[in-house]
mmCIF file of all heavy atoms, coordinates in Angstrom:
data_MODEL
# 
_entry.id   MODEL 
# 
loop_
_atom_site.group_PDB 
_atom_site.id 
_atom_site.type_symbol 
_atom_site.label_atom_id 
_atom_site.label_alt_id 
_atom_site.label_comp_id 
_atom_site.label_asym_id 
_atom_site.label_entity_id 
_atom_site.label_seq_id 
_atom_site.pdbx_PDB_ins_code 
_atom_site.Cartn_x 
_atom_site.Cartn_y 
_atom_site.Cartn_z 
_atom_site.occupancy 
_atom_site.B_iso_or_equiv 
_atom_site.pdbx_formal_charge 
_atom_site.auth_seq_id 
_atom_site.auth_comp_id 
_atom_site.auth_asym_id 
_atom_site.auth_atom_id 
_atom_site.pdbx_PDB_model_num 
ATOM 1   N N   . MET A 1 1  ? 20.299 25.548 -27.967 1.00 0.00 ? 1  MET A N   1 
ATOM 2   C CA  . MET A 1 1  ? 19.354 24.643 -28.502 1.00 0.00 ? 1  MET A CA  1 
ATOM 3   C C   . MET A 1 1  ? 20.100 23.538 -29.340 1.00 0.00 ? 1  MET A C   1 
ATOM 4   O O   . MET A 1 1  ? 19.689 22.336 -29.285 1.00 0.00 ? 1  MET A O   1 
ATOM 5   C CB  . MET A 1 1  ? 18.247 25.363 -29.337 1.00 0.00 ? 1  MET A CB  1 
ATOM 6   C CG  . MET A 1 1  ? 17.216 25.935 -28.500 1.00 0.00 ? 1  MET A CG  1 
ATOM 7   S SD  . MET A 1 1  ? 15.722 26.258 -29.470 1.00 0.00 ? 1  MET A SD  1 
ATOM 8   C CE  . MET A 1 1  ? 16.373 27.332 -30.798 1.00 0.00 ? 1  MET A CE  1 
ATOM 9   N N   . VAL A 1 2  ? 20.970 23.974 -30.160 1.00 0.00 ? 2  VAL A N   1 
ATOM 10  C CA  . VAL A 1 2  ? 21.660 22.973 -31.024 1.00 0.00 ? 2  VAL A CA  1 
ATOM 11  C C   . VAL A 1 2  ? 22.405 22.027 -30.204 1.00 0.00 ? 2  VAL A C   1 
ATOM 12  O O   . VAL A 1 2  ? 22.409 20.798 -30.424 1.00 0.00 ? 2  VAL A O   1 
ATOM 13  C CB  . VAL A 1 2  ? 22.542 23.717 -31.989 1.00 0.00 ? 2  VAL A CB  1 
ATOM 14  C CG1 . VAL A 1 2  ? 23.560 22.702 -32.664 1.00 0.00 ? 2  VAL A CG1 1 
ATOM 15  C CG2 . VAL A 1 2  ? 21.793 24.423 -32.996 1.00 0.00 ? 2  VAL A CG2 1 
ATOM 16  N N   . ARG A 1 3  ? 23.093 22.486 -29.144 1.00 0.00 ? 3  ARG A N   1 
ATOM 17  C CA  . ARG A 1 3  ? 23.735 21.558 -28.235 1.00 0.00 ? 3  ARG A CA  1 
ATOM 18  C C   . ARG A 1 3  ? 22.783 20.498 -27.586 1.00 0.00 ? 3  ARG A C   1 
ATOM 19  O O   . ARG A 1 3  ? 23.121 19.392 -27.535 1.00 0.00 ? 3  ARG A O   1 
ATOM 20  C CB  . ARG A 1 3  ? 24.521 22.344 -27.172 1.00 0.00 ? 3  ARG A CB  1 
ATOM 21  C CG  . ARG A 1 3  ? 25.813 23.099 -27.767 1.00 0.00 ? 3  ARG A CG  1 
ATOM 22  C CD  . ARG A 1 3  ? 26.679 23.517 -26.577 1.00 0.00 ? 3  ARG A CD  1 
ATOM 23  N NE  . ARG A 1 3  ? 25.990 24.486 -25.672 1.00 0.00 ? 3  ARG A NE  1 
ATOM 24  C CZ  . ARG A 1 3  ? 25.925 25.818 -25.840 1.00 0.00 ? 3  ARG A CZ  1 
ATOM 25  N NH1 . ARG A 1 3  ? 26.728 26.316 -26.841 1.00 0.00 ? 3  ARG A NH1 1 
ATOM 26  N NH2 . ARG A 1 3  ? 25.380 26.604 -24.962 1.00 0.00 ? 3  ARG A NH2 1 
ATOM 27  N N   . MET A 1 4  ? 21.740 21.065 -27.133 1.00 0.00 ? 4  MET A N   1 
ATOM 28  C CA  . MET A 1 4  ? 20.723 20.136 -26.489 1.00 0.00 ? 4  MET A CA  1 
ATOM 29  C C   . MET A 1 4  ? 20.129 19.112 -27.513 1.00 0.00 ? 4  MET A C   1 
ATOM 30  O O   . MET A 1 4  ? 19.850 17.997 -27.214 1.00 0.00 ? 4  MET A O   1 
ATOM 31  C CB  . MET A 1 4  ? 19.560 20.958 -25.909 1.00 0.00 ? 4  MET A CB  1 
ATOM 32  C CG  . MET A 1 4  ? 19.965 21.717 -24.650 1.00 0.00 ? 4  MET A CG  1 
ATOM 33  S SD  . MET A 1 4  ? 18.567 22.590 -23.841 1.00 0.00 ? 4  MET A SD  1 
ATOM 34  C CE  . MET A 1 4  ? 18.479 24.043 -24.766 1.00 0.00 ? 4  MET A CE  1 
ATOM 35  N N   . PHE A 1 5  ? 20.024 19.590 -28.785 1.00 0.00 ? 5  PHE A N   1 
ATOM 36  C CA  . PHE A 1 5  ? 19.512 18.722 -29.857 1.00 0.00 ? 5  PHE A CA  1 
ATOM 37  C C   . PHE A 1 5  ? 20.531 17.610 -30.105 1.00 0.00 ? 5  PHE A C   1 
ATOM 38  O O   . PHE A 1 5  ? 20.135 16.376 -30.338 1.00 0.00 ? 5  PHE A O   1 
ATOM 39  C CB  . PHE A 1 5  ? 19.227 19.488 -31.082 1.00 0.00 ? 5  PHE A CB  1 
ATOM 40  C CG  . PHE A 1 5  ? 18.899 18.613 -32.261 1.00 0.00 ? 5  PHE A CG  1 
ATOM 41  C CD1 . PHE A 1 5  ? 17.610 18.073 -32.377 1.00 0.00 ? 5  PHE A CD1 1 
ATOM 42  C CD2 . PHE A 1 5  ? 19.801 18.313 -33.281 1.00 0.00 ? 5  PHE A CD2 1 
ATOM 43  C CE1 . PHE A 1 5  ? 17.306 17.258 -33.500 1.00 0.00 ? 5  PHE A CE1 1 
ATOM 44  C CE2 . PHE A 1 5  ? 19.440 17.514 -34.351 1.00 0.00 ? 5  PHE A CE2 1 
ATOM 45  C CZ  . PHE A 1 5  ? 18.219 17.034 -34.426 1.00 0.00 ? 5  PHE A CZ  1 
ATOM 46  N N   . TYR A 1 6  ? 21.865 17.965 -30.209 1.00 0.00 ? 6  TYR A N   1 
ATOM 47  C CA  . TYR A 1 6  ? 22.866 16.928 -30.414 1.00 0.00 ? 6  TYR A CA  1 
ATOM 48  C C   . TYR A 1 6  ? 22.817 15.856 -29.271 1.00 0.00 ? 6  TYR A C   1 
ATOM 49  O O   . TYR A 1 6  ? 22.873 14.630 -29.531 1.00 0.00 ? 6  TYR A O   1 
ATOM 50  C CB  . TYR A 1 6  ? 24.278 17.523 -30.453 1.00 0.00 ? 6  TYR A CB  1 
ATOM 51  C CG  . TYR A 1 6  ? 24.586 18.402 -31.634 1.00 0.00 ? 6  TYR A CG  1 
ATOM 52  C CD1 . TYR A 1 6  ? 25.625 19.253 -31.603 1.00 0.00 ? 6  TYR A CD1 1 
ATOM 53  C CD2 . TYR A 1 6  ? 23.813 18.411 -32.739 1.00 0.00 ? 6  TYR A CD2 1 
ATOM 54  C CE1 . TYR A 1 6  ? 26.130 19.981 -32.648 1.00 0.00 ? 6  TYR A CE1 1 
ATOM 55  C CE2 . TYR A 1 6  ? 24.205 19.311 -33.876 1.00 0.00 ? 6  TYR A CE2 1 
ATOM 56  C CZ  . TYR A 1 6  ? 25.211 20.007 -33.872 1.00 0.00 ? 6  TYR A CZ  1 
ATOM 57  O OH  . TYR A 1 6  ? 25.627 20.767 -34.870 1.00 0.00 ? 6  TYR A OH  1 
ATOM 58  N N   . SER A 1 7  ? 22.714 16.338 -28.081 1.00 0.00 ? 7  SER A N   1 
ATOM 59  C CA  . SER A 1 7  ? 22.623 15.426 -27.024 1.00 0.00 ? 7  SER A CA  1 
ATOM 60  C C   . SER A 1 7  ? 21.404 14.487 -27.158 1.00 0.00 ? 7  SER A C   1 
ATOM 61  O O   . SER A 1 7  ? 21.448 13.230 -26.862 1.00 0.00 ? 7  SER A O   1 
ATOM 62  C CB  . SER A 1 7  ? 22.638 16.184 -25.642 1.00 0.00 ? 7  SER A CB  1 
ATOM 63  O OG  . SER A 1 7  ? 22.471 15.280 -24.582 1.00 0.00 ? 7  SER A OG  1 
ATOM 64  N N   . GLU A 1 8  ? 20.270 15.096 -27.427 1.00 0.00 ? 8  GLU A N   1 
ATOM 65  C CA  . GLU A 1 8  ? 19.024 14.319 -27.647 1.00 0.00 ? 8  GLU A CA  1 
ATOM 66  C C   . GLU A 1 8  ? 19.152 13.266 -28.637 1.00 0.00 ? 8  GLU A C   1 
ATOM 67  O O   . GLU A 1 8  ? 18.498 12.174 -28.547 1.00 0.00 ? 8  GLU A O   1 
ATOM 68  C CB  . GLU A 1 8  ? 17.870 15.275 -27.873 1.00 0.00 ? 8  GLU A CB  1 
ATOM 69  C CG  . GLU A 1 8  ? 16.448 14.730 -27.783 1.00 0.00 ? 8  GLU A CG  1 
ATOM 70  C CD  . GLU A 1 8  ? 16.004 14.441 -26.358 1.00 0.00 ? 8  GLU A CD  1 
ATOM 71  O OE1 . GLU A 1 8  ? 16.552 15.111 -25.408 1.00 0.00 ? 8  GLU A OE1 1 
ATOM 72  O OE2 . GLU A 1 8  ? 15.137 13.506 -26.126 1.00 0.00 ? 8  GLU A OE2 1 
ATOM 73  N N   . MET A 1 9  ? 19.861 13.554 -29.641 1.00 0.00 ? 9  MET A N   1 
ATOM 74  C CA  . MET A 1 9  ? 19.905 12.649 -30.769 1.00 0.00 ? 9  MET A CA  1 
ATOM 75  C C   . MET A 1 9  ? 21.072 11.488 -30.519 1.00 0.00 ? 9  MET A C   1 
ATOM 76  O O   . MET A 1 9  ? 21.196 10.588 -31.383 1.00 0.00 ? 9  MET A O   1 
ATOM 77  C CB  . MET A 1 9  ? 20.395 13.462 -32.079 1.00 0.00 ? 9  MET A CB  1 
ATOM 78  C CG  . MET A 1 9  ? 19.281 14.284 -32.642 1.00 0.00 ? 9  MET A CG  1 
ATOM 79  S SD  . MET A 1 9  ? 17.944 13.292 -33.289 1.00 0.00 ? 9  MET A SD  1 
ATOM 80  C CE  . MET A 1 9  ? 18.574 12.316 -34.575 1.00 0.00 ? 9  MET A CE  1 
ATOM 81  N N   . GLY A 1 10 ? 21.816 11.660 -29.488 1.00 0.00 ? 10 GLY A N   1 
ATOM 82  C CA  . GLY A 1 10 ? 22.868 10.746 -29.270 1.00 0.00 ? 10 GLY A CA  1 
ATOM 83  C C   . GLY A 1 10 ? 24.078 11.093 -30.126 1.00 0.00 ? 10 GLY A C   1 
ATOM 84  O O   . GLY A 1 10 ? 24.811 10.151 -30.595 1.00 0.00 ? 10 GLY A O   1 
ATOM 85  N N   . TRP A 1 11 ? 24.323 12.449 -30.487 1.00 0.00 ? 11 TRP A N   1 
ATOM 86  C CA  . TRP A 1 11 ? 25.405 12.833 -31.236 1.00 0.00 ? 11 TRP A CA  1 
ATOM 87  C C   . TRP A 1 11 ? 26.461 13.497 -30.251 1.00 0.00 ? 11 TRP A C   1 
ATOM 88  O O   . TRP A 1 11 ? 25.980 13.921 -29.149 1.00 0.00 ? 11 TRP A O   1 
ATOM 89  C CB  . TRP A 1 11 ? 25.044 13.792 -32.245 1.00 0.00 ? 11 TRP A CB  1 
ATOM 90  C CG  . TRP A 1 11 ? 24.087 13.199 -33.297 1.00 0.00 ? 11 TRP A CG  1 
ATOM 91  C CD1 . TRP A 1 11 ? 23.741 11.885 -33.354 1.00 0.00 ? 11 TRP A CD1 1 
ATOM 92  C CD2 . TRP A 1 11 ? 23.287 13.902 -34.360 1.00 0.00 ? 11 TRP A CD2 1 
ATOM 93  N NE1 . TRP A 1 11 ? 22.831 11.705 -34.455 1.00 0.00 ? 11 TRP A NE1 1 
ATOM 94  C CE2 . TRP A 1 11 ? 22.548 12.936 -34.996 1.00 0.00 ? 11 TRP A CE2 1 
ATOM 95  C CE3 . TRP A 1 11 ? 23.143 15.339 -34.690 1.00 0.00 ? 11 TRP A CE3 1 
ATOM 96  C CZ2 . TRP A 1 11 ? 21.671 13.324 -36.032 1.00 0.00 ? 11 TRP A CZ2 1 
ATOM 97  C CZ3 . TRP A 1 11 ? 22.396 15.585 -35.682 1.00 0.00 ? 11 TRP A CZ3 1 
ATOM 98  C CH2 . TRP A 1 11 ? 21.643 14.652 -36.443 1.00 0.00 ? 11 TRP A CH2 1 
ATOM 99  N N   . ASP A 1 12 ? 27.716 13.597 -30.700 1.00 0.00 ? 12 ASP A N   1 
ATOM 100 C CA  . ASP A 1 12 ? 28.687 14.277 -29.822 1.00 0.00 ? 12 ASP A CA  1 
ATOM 101 C C   . ASP A 1 12 ? 28.586 15.707 -30.012 1.00 0.00 ? 12 ASP A C   1 
ATOM 102 O O   . ASP A 1 12 ? 27.823 16.220 -30.788 1.00 0.00 ? 12 ASP A O   1 
ATOM 103 C CB  . ASP A 1 12 ? 30.165 13.713 -30.186 1.00 0.00 ? 12 ASP A CB  1 
ATOM 104 C CG  . ASP A 1 12 ? 30.612 14.160 -31.558 1.00 0.00 ? 12 ASP A CG  1 
ATOM 105 O OD1 . ASP A 1 12 ? 30.015 15.119 -32.181 1.00 0.00 ? 12 ASP A OD1 1 
ATOM 106 O OD2 . ASP A 1 12 ? 31.587 13.545 -31.999 1.00 0.00 ? 12 ASP A OD2 1 
ATOM 107 N N   . PRO A 1 13 ? 29.403 16.445 -29.222 1.00 0.00 ? 13 PRO A N   1 
ATOM 108 C CA  . PRO A 1 13 ? 29.254 17.943 -29.271 1.00 0.00 ? 13 PRO A CA  1 
ATOM 109 C C   . PRO A 1 13 ? 29.547 18.610 -30.580 1.00 0.00 ? 13 PRO A C   1 
ATOM 110 O O   . PRO A 1 13 ? 29.174 19.709 -30.828 1.00 0.00 ? 13 PRO A O   1 
ATOM 111 C CB  . PRO A 1 13 ? 30.267 18.456 -28.187 1.00 0.00 ? 13 PRO A CB  1 
ATOM 112 C CG  . PRO A 1 13 ? 30.342 17.265 -27.252 1.00 0.00 ? 13 PRO A CG  1 
ATOM 113 C CD  . PRO A 1 13 ? 30.201 16.071 -28.121 1.00 0.00 ? 13 PRO A CD  1 
ATOM 114 N N   . GLN A 1 14 ? 30.150 17.859 -31.624 1.00 0.00 ? 14 GLN A N   1 
ATOM 115 C CA  . GLN A 1 14 ? 30.344 18.407 -32.885 1.00 0.00 ? 14 GLN A CA  1 
ATOM 116 C C   . GLN A 1 14 ? 29.292 17.916 -33.868 1.00 0.00 ? 14 GLN A C   1 
ATOM 117 O O   . GLN A 1 14 ? 29.381 18.074 -35.001 1.00 0.00 ? 14 GLN A O   1 
ATOM 118 C CB  . GLN A 1 14 ? 31.730 17.867 -33.369 1.00 0.00 ? 14 GLN A CB  1 
ATOM 119 C CG  . GLN A 1 14 ? 32.903 18.590 -32.735 1.00 0.00 ? 14 GLN A CG  1 
ATOM 120 C CD  . GLN A 1 14 ? 33.217 18.210 -31.418 1.00 0.00 ? 14 GLN A CD  1 
ATOM 121 O OE1 . GLN A 1 14 ? 33.207 17.060 -31.026 1.00 0.00 ? 14 GLN A OE1 1 
ATOM 122 N NE2 . GLN A 1 14 ? 33.290 19.240 -30.461 1.00 0.00 ? 14 GLN A NE2 1 
ATOM 123 N N   . GLY A 1 15 ? 28.227 17.246 -33.343 1.00 0.00 ? 15 GLY A N   1 
ATOM 124 C CA  . GLY A 1 15 ? 27.038 16.901 -34.129 1.00 0.00 ? 15 GLY A CA  1 
ATOM 125 C C   . GLY A 1 15 ? 27.281 15.678 -34.842 1.00 0.00 ? 15 GLY A C   1 
ATOM 126 O O   . GLY A 1 15 ? 26.606 15.386 -35.881 1.00 0.00 ? 15 GLY A O   1 
ATOM 127 N N   . ARG A 1 16 ? 28.280 14.848 -34.377 1.00 0.00 ? 16 ARG A N   1 
ATOM 128 C CA  . ARG A 1 16 ? 28.579 13.497 -35.125 1.00 0.00 ? 16 ARG A CA  1 
ATOM 129 C C   . ARG A 1 16 ? 27.849 12.352 -34.285 1.00 0.00 ? 16 ARG A C   1 
ATOM 130 O O   . ARG A 1 16 ? 28.018 12.262 -33.212 1.00 0.00 ? 16 ARG A O   1 
ATOM 131 C CB  . ARG A 1 16 ? 30.049 13.227 -35.115 1.00 0.00 ? 16 ARG A CB  1 
ATOM 132 C CG  . ARG A 1 16 ? 30.798 14.319 -35.925 1.00 0.00 ? 16 ARG A CG  1 
ATOM 133 C CD  . ARG A 1 16 ? 32.312 14.251 -35.852 1.00 0.00 ? 16 ARG A CD  1 
ATOM 134 N NE  . ARG A 1 16 ? 32.829 14.296 -34.397 1.00 0.00 ? 16 ARG A NE  1 
ATOM 135 C CZ  . ARG A 1 16 ? 34.002 14.677 -34.128 1.00 0.00 ? 16 ARG A CZ  1 
ATOM 136 N NH1 . ARG A 1 16 ? 34.914 14.919 -35.067 1.00 0.00 ? 16 ARG A NH1 1 
ATOM 137 N NH2 . ARG A 1 16 ? 34.402 14.685 -32.885 1.00 0.00 ? 16 ARG A NH2 1 
ATOM 138 N N   . PRO A 1 17 ? 27.182 11.590 -35.020 1.00 0.00 ? 17 PRO A N   1 
ATOM 139 C CA  . PRO A 1 17 ? 26.496 10.371 -34.306 1.00 0.00 ? 17 PRO A CA  1 
ATOM 140 C C   . PRO A 1 17 ? 27.605 9.548  -33.607 1.00 0.00 ? 17 PRO A C   1 
ATOM 141 O O   . PRO A 1 17 ? 28.584 9.265  -34.354 1.00 0.00 ? 17 PRO A O   1 
ATOM 142 C CB  . PRO A 1 17 ? 25.842 9.654  -35.479 1.00 0.00 ? 17 PRO A CB  1 
ATOM 143 C CG  . PRO A 1 17 ? 25.609 10.603 -36.552 1.00 0.00 ? 17 PRO A CG  1 
ATOM 144 C CD  . PRO A 1 17 ? 26.786 11.560 -36.434 1.00 0.00 ? 17 PRO A CD  1 
ATOM 145 N N   . THR A 1 18 ? 27.353 9.187  -32.429 1.00 0.00 ? 18 THR A N   1 
ATOM 146 C CA  . THR A 1 18 ? 28.349 8.318  -31.633 1.00 0.00 ? 18 THR A CA  1 
ATOM 147 C C   . THR A 1 18 ? 28.279 6.896  -32.159 1.00 0.00 ? 18 THR A C   1 
ATOM 148 O O   . THR A 1 18 ? 27.289 6.466  -32.737 1.00 0.00 ? 18 THR A O   1 
ATOM 149 C CB  . THR A 1 18 ? 28.044 8.490  -30.260 1.00 0.00 ? 18 THR A CB  1 
ATOM 150 O OG1 . THR A 1 18 ? 26.812 7.862  -29.902 1.00 0.00 ? 18 THR A OG1 1 
ATOM 151 C CG2 . THR A 1 18 ? 28.072 9.898  -29.691 1.00 0.00 ? 18 THR A CG2 1 
ATOM 152 N N   . GLU A 1 19 ? 29.360 6.149  -31.789 1.00 0.00 ? 19 GLU A N   1 
ATOM 153 C CA  . GLU A 1 19 ? 29.371 4.711  -32.167 1.00 0.00 ? 19 GLU A CA  1 
ATOM 154 C C   . GLU A 1 19 ? 28.239 4.013  -31.464 1.00 0.00 ? 19 GLU A C   1 
ATOM 155 O O   . GLU A 1 19 ? 27.694 3.087  -32.008 1.00 0.00 ? 19 GLU A O   1 
ATOM 156 C CB  . GLU A 1 19 ? 30.681 4.191  -31.855 1.00 0.00 ? 19 GLU A CB  1 
ATOM 157 C CG  . GLU A 1 19 ? 31.843 4.607  -32.641 1.00 0.00 ? 19 GLU A CG  1 
ATOM 158 C CD  . GLU A 1 19 ? 33.064 3.829  -32.460 1.00 0.00 ? 19 GLU A CD  1 
ATOM 159 O OE1 . GLU A 1 19 ? 33.085 2.797  -31.732 1.00 0.00 ? 19 GLU A OE1 1 
ATOM 160 O OE2 . GLU A 1 19 ? 34.205 4.300  -32.899 1.00 0.00 ? 19 GLU A OE2 1 
ATOM 161 N N   . GLU A 1 20 ? 27.986 4.449  -30.262 1.00 0.00 ? 20 GLU A N   1 
ATOM 162 C CA  . GLU A 1 20 ? 26.823 3.792  -29.486 1.00 0.00 ? 20 GLU A CA  1 
ATOM 163 C C   . GLU A 1 20 ? 25.468 3.940  -30.212 1.00 0.00 ? 20 GLU A C   1 
ATOM 164 O O   . GLU A 1 20 ? 24.746 3.044  -30.260 1.00 0.00 ? 20 GLU A O   1 
ATOM 165 C CB  . GLU A 1 20 ? 26.749 4.344  -28.102 1.00 0.00 ? 20 GLU A CB  1 
ATOM 166 C CG  . GLU A 1 20 ? 27.912 4.012  -27.174 1.00 0.00 ? 20 GLU A CG  1 
ATOM 167 C CD  . GLU A 1 20 ? 29.202 4.815  -27.437 1.00 0.00 ? 20 GLU A CD  1 
ATOM 168 O OE1 . GLU A 1 20 ? 29.044 5.843  -28.206 1.00 0.00 ? 20 GLU A OE1 1 
ATOM 169 O OE2 . GLU A 1 20 ? 30.231 4.541  -26.930 1.00 0.00 ? 20 GLU A OE2 1 
ATOM 170 N N   . THR A 1 21 ? 25.318 5.198  -30.636 1.00 0.00 ? 21 THR A N   1 
ATOM 171 C CA  . THR A 1 21 ? 23.944 5.474  -31.342 1.00 0.00 ? 21 THR A CA  1 
ATOM 172 C C   . THR A 1 21 ? 23.919 4.683  -32.682 1.00 0.00 ? 21 THR A C   1 
ATOM 173 O O   . THR A 1 21 ? 22.900 4.110  -32.974 1.00 0.00 ? 21 THR A O   1 
ATOM 174 C CB  . THR A 1 21 ? 23.891 6.914  -31.685 1.00 0.00 ? 21 THR A CB  1 
ATOM 175 O OG1 . THR A 1 21 ? 23.873 7.706  -30.441 1.00 0.00 ? 21 THR A OG1 1 
ATOM 176 C CG2 . THR A 1 21 ? 22.698 7.346  -32.449 1.00 0.00 ? 21 THR A CG2 1 
ATOM 177 N N   . LEU A 1 22 ? 24.989 4.665  -33.412 1.00 0.00 ? 22 LEU A N   1 
ATOM 178 C CA  . LEU A 1 22 ? 25.002 3.953  -34.610 1.00 0.00 ? 22 LEU A CA  1 
ATOM 179 C C   . LEU A 1 22 ? 24.814 2.465  -34.449 1.00 0.00 ? 22 LEU A C   1 
ATOM 180 O O   . LEU A 1 22 ? 24.108 1.737  -35.177 1.00 0.00 ? 22 LEU A O   1 
ATOM 181 C CB  . LEU A 1 22 ? 26.305 4.200  -35.477 1.00 0.00 ? 22 LEU A CB  1 
ATOM 182 C CG  . LEU A 1 22 ? 26.413 5.721  -35.925 1.00 0.00 ? 22 LEU A CG  1 
ATOM 183 C CD1 . LEU A 1 22 ? 27.785 5.867  -36.691 1.00 0.00 ? 22 LEU A CD1 1 
ATOM 184 C CD2 . LEU A 1 22 ? 25.238 6.195  -36.823 1.00 0.00 ? 22 LEU A CD2 1 
ATOM 185 N N   . SER A 1 23 ? 25.446 1.931  -33.413 1.00 0.00 ? 23 SER A N   1 
ATOM 186 C CA  . SER A 1 23 ? 25.430 0.498  -33.127 1.00 0.00 ? 23 SER A CA  1 
ATOM 187 C C   . SER A 1 23 ? 23.872 0.141  -32.745 1.00 0.00 ? 23 SER A C   1 
ATOM 188 O O   . SER A 1 23 ? 23.404 -0.858 -33.202 1.00 0.00 ? 23 SER A O   1 
ATOM 189 C CB  . SER A 1 23 ? 26.320 0.126  -32.022 1.00 0.00 ? 23 SER A CB  1 
ATOM 190 O OG  . SER A 1 23 ? 26.132 -1.198 -31.600 1.00 0.00 ? 23 SER A OG  1 
ATOM 191 N N   . ALA A 1 24 ? 23.236 0.997  -31.852 1.00 0.00 ? 24 ALA A N   1 
ATOM 192 C CA  . ALA A 1 24 ? 21.926 0.767  -31.508 1.00 0.00 ? 24 ALA A CA  1 
ATOM 193 C C   . ALA A 1 24 ? 20.904 0.635  -32.711 1.00 0.00 ? 24 ALA A C   1 
ATOM 194 O O   . ALA A 1 24 ? 19.967 -0.017 -32.712 1.00 0.00 ? 24 ALA A O   1 
ATOM 195 C CB  . ALA A 1 24 ? 21.468 1.704  -30.496 1.00 0.00 ? 24 ALA A CB  1 
ATOM 196 N N   . LEU A 1 25 ? 21.341 1.559  -33.776 1.00 0.00 ? 25 LEU A N   1 
ATOM 197 C CA  . LEU A 1 25 ? 20.484 1.546  -34.978 1.00 0.00 ? 25 LEU A CA  1 
ATOM 198 C C   . LEU A 1 25 ? 20.993 0.542  -36.014 1.00 0.00 ? 25 LEU A C   1 
ATOM 199 O O   . LEU A 1 25 ? 20.427 0.585  -37.149 1.00 0.00 ? 25 LEU A O   1 
ATOM 200 C CB  . LEU A 1 25 ? 20.593 2.925  -35.562 1.00 0.00 ? 25 LEU A CB  1 
ATOM 201 C CG  . LEU A 1 25 ? 19.917 4.010  -34.634 1.00 0.00 ? 25 LEU A CG  1 
ATOM 202 C CD1 . LEU A 1 25 ? 20.225 5.439  -35.197 1.00 0.00 ? 25 LEU A CD1 1 
ATOM 203 C CD2 . LEU A 1 25 ? 18.390 3.865  -34.553 1.00 0.00 ? 25 LEU A CD2 1 
ATOM 204 N N   . GLN A 1 26 ? 22.057 -0.211 -35.746 1.00 0.00 ? 26 GLN A N   1 
ATOM 205 C CA  . GLN A 1 26 ? 22.502 -1.236 -36.641 1.00 0.00 ? 26 GLN A CA  1 
ATOM 206 C C   . GLN A 1 26 ? 23.093 -0.567 -37.892 1.00 0.00 ? 26 GLN A C   1 
ATOM 207 O O   . GLN A 1 26 ? 22.966 -1.003 -39.038 1.00 0.00 ? 26 GLN A O   1 
ATOM 208 C CB  . GLN A 1 26 ? 21.461 -2.323 -37.076 1.00 0.00 ? 26 GLN A CB  1 
ATOM 209 C CG  . GLN A 1 26 ? 21.021 -3.122 -35.872 1.00 0.00 ? 26 GLN A CG  1 
ATOM 210 C CD  . GLN A 1 26 ? 20.045 -4.221 -36.169 1.00 0.00 ? 26 GLN A CD  1 
ATOM 211 O OE1 . GLN A 1 26 ? 19.133 -3.962 -37.003 1.00 0.00 ? 26 GLN A OE1 1 
ATOM 212 N NE2 . GLN A 1 26 ? 20.071 -5.336 -35.616 1.00 0.00 ? 26 GLN A NE2 1 
ATOM 213 N N   . ILE A 1 27 ? 23.808 0.581  -37.684 1.00 0.00 ? 27 ILE A N   1 
ATOM 214 C CA  . ILE A 1 27 ? 24.469 1.240  -38.743 1.00 0.00 ? 27 ILE A CA  1 
ATOM 215 C C   . ILE A 1 27 ? 25.937 1.097  -38.541 1.00 0.00 ? 27 ILE A C   1 
ATOM 216 O O   . ILE A 1 27 ? 26.399 1.348  -37.519 1.00 0.00 ? 27 ILE A O   1 
ATOM 217 C CB  . ILE A 1 27 ? 24.051 2.787  -38.812 1.00 0.00 ? 27 ILE A CB  1 
ATOM 218 C CG1 . ILE A 1 27 ? 22.551 2.960  -39.037 1.00 0.00 ? 27 ILE A CG1 1 
ATOM 219 C CG2 . ILE A 1 27 ? 24.837 3.564  -39.892 1.00 0.00 ? 27 ILE A CG2 1 
ATOM 220 C CD1 . ILE A 1 27 ? 22.095 4.415  -38.884 1.00 0.00 ? 27 ILE A CD1 1 
ATOM 221 N N   . LYS A 1 28 ? 26.634 0.663  -39.578 1.00 0.00 ? 28 LYS A N   1 
ATOM 222 C CA  . LYS A 1 28 ? 28.039 0.480  -39.372 1.00 0.00 ? 28 LYS A CA  1 
ATOM 223 C C   . LYS A 1 28 ? 28.786 1.870  -39.402 1.00 0.00 ? 28 LYS A C   1 
ATOM 224 O O   . LYS A 1 28 ? 28.607 2.574  -40.382 1.00 0.00 ? 28 LYS A O   1 
ATOM 225 C CB  . LYS A 1 28 ? 28.547 -0.343 -40.467 1.00 0.00 ? 28 LYS A CB  1 
ATOM 226 C CG  . LYS A 1 28 ? 30.177 -0.606 -40.514 1.00 0.00 ? 28 LYS A CG  1 
ATOM 227 C CD  . LYS A 1 28 ? 30.575 -1.466 -41.669 1.00 0.00 ? 28 LYS A CD  1 
ATOM 228 C CE  . LYS A 1 28 ? 32.064 -1.727 -41.523 1.00 0.00 ? 28 LYS A CE  1 
ATOM 229 N NZ  . LYS A 1 28 ? 32.547 -2.542 -42.675 1.00 0.00 ? 28 LYS A NZ  1 
# 
């Protein structure tokens, strides 16, 4: 479930928000 949640959030397998996700949210 945690792995599926990371993917749903746009985070990498280590639970870190990806650059693409942060860029889409206008977060540096």
